[in-house]
Amino acid sequence: MCLGIPGKVVEITEGMAKVDVGGTRKEASLMLLEEASVGDYVIVHAGFAIEKVDEKEAEKTLEIVDELIAAMEKSHGAGDTK
């Protein structure tokens, strides 16, 4: 399963964007989304920015992802040394 994650464009250089995704910086090609600007929120999938999204929707999605990760860690006993 593949998942597109929202992030905030913090820098653009020669068709590539640095995108902040939950505090982690990732590079994403803007080849498929030419109208992105610094400050925009975009969906990043497989190294490409594929769609611009509303800031509130992006933040809501990131909160849900964080909740899912926390639930998975809890159910799988994250931190166990088994």
Protein backbone atom coordinates (compact mmCIF):
# COMPACT_ATOMS: atom_id res chain seq x y z
CA MET A 1 0.00 0.00 0.00
CA CYS A 2 1.26 3.47 -0.85
CA LEU A 3 0.44 6.56 1.10
CA GLY A 4 0.63 10.23 0.14
CA ILE A 5 1.56 12.45 3.08
CA PRO A 6 0.94 16.21 3.37
CA GLY A 7 3.79 18.56 4.09
CA LYS A 8 4.65 22.25 3.95
CA VAL A 9 6.95 23.52 1.21
CA VAL A 10 9.81 25.34 2.94
CA GLU A 11 12.21 25.81 0.01
CA ILE A 12 12.20 25.47 -3.78
CA THR A 13 15.34 25.05 -5.87
CA GLU A 14 15.47 24.07 -9.54
CA GLY A 15 12.21 22.13 -9.65
CA MET A 16 12.75 20.42 -6.29
CA ALA A 17 11.04 21.30 -3.03
CA LYS A 18 12.13 20.75 0.54
CA VAL A 19 8.95 19.75 2.34
CA ASP A 20 8.45 19.65 6.11
CA VAL A 21 6.45 16.53 6.94
CA GLY A 22 5.71 16.44 10.65
CA GLY A 23 9.08 17.94 11.55
CA THR A 24 11.10 15.88 9.07
CA ARG A 25 12.44 17.48 5.89
CA LYS A 26 12.02 15.53 2.66
CA GLU A 27 12.83 16.38 -0.95
CA ALA A 28 10.07 16.19 -3.51
CA SER A 29 10.07 16.81 -7.23
CA LEU A 30 7.72 19.50 -8.47
CA MET A 31 7.66 17.97 -11.97
CA LEU A 32 3.98 17.03 -11.54
CA LEU A 33 2.94 20.20 -9.71
CA GLU A 34 4.42 23.33 -11.20
CA GLU A 35 2.34 25.88 -9.28
CA ALA A 36 3.64 25.15 -5.78
CA SER A 37 5.15 27.98 -3.74
CA VAL A 38 6.98 28.23 -0.45
CA GLY A 39 4.37 28.03 2.30
CA ASP A 40 1.99 25.80 0.33
CA TYR A 41 0.93 22.42 1.64
CA VAL A 42 1.30 19.55 -0.81
CA ILE A 43 0.72 15.82 -0.87
CA VAL A 44 4.04 13.99 -1.32
CA HIS A 45 3.96 10.51 -2.83
CA ALA A 46 6.94 8.48 -4.02
CA GLY A 47 9.19 11.54 -4.05
CA PHE A 48 6.79 13.77 -6.01
CA ALA A 49 4.52 16.60 -4.91
CA ILE A 50 1.28 15.54 -6.56
CA GLU A 51 -1.39 17.93 -5.26
CA LYS A 52 -1.78 21.17 -3.30
CA VAL A 53 -3.97 20.92 -0.21
CA ASP A 54 -5.53 23.30 2.28
CA GLU A 55 -3.43 23.91 5.43
CA LYS A 56 -6.22 22.84 7.80
CA GLU A 57 -6.80 19.62 5.87
CA ALA A 58 -3.05 18.89 5.86
CA GLU A 59 -2.78 19.42 9.62
CA LYS A 60 -5.85 17.26 10.25
CA THR A 61 -4.37 14.46 8.14
CA LEU A 62 -1.01 14.66 9.94
CA GLU A 63 -2.80 14.40 13.30
CA ILE A 64 -4.58 11.24 12.13
CA VAL A 65 -1.28 9.75 10.90
CA ASP A 66 0.31 10.49 14.30
CA GLU A 67 -2.62 8.80 16.06
CA LEU A 68 -2.30 5.74 13.83
CA ILE A 69 1.43 5.47 14.49
CA ALA A 70 0.88 5.76 18.25
CA ALA A 71 -1.83 3.09 18.15
CA MET A 72 0.38 0.76 16.11
CA GLU A 73 3.31 1.25 18.48
CA LYS A 74 1.08 0.54 21.46
CA SER A 75 -0.45 -2.59 19.93
CA HIS A 76 2.93 -3.95 18.82
CA GLY A 77 4.69 -3.16 22.09
CA ALA A 78 7.12 -0.59 20.70
CA GLY A 79 10.20 -0.49 22.84
CA ASP A 80 10.06 -4.21 23.66
CA THR A 81 13.35 -5.97 23.17
CA LYS A 82 11.90 -9.38 22.29
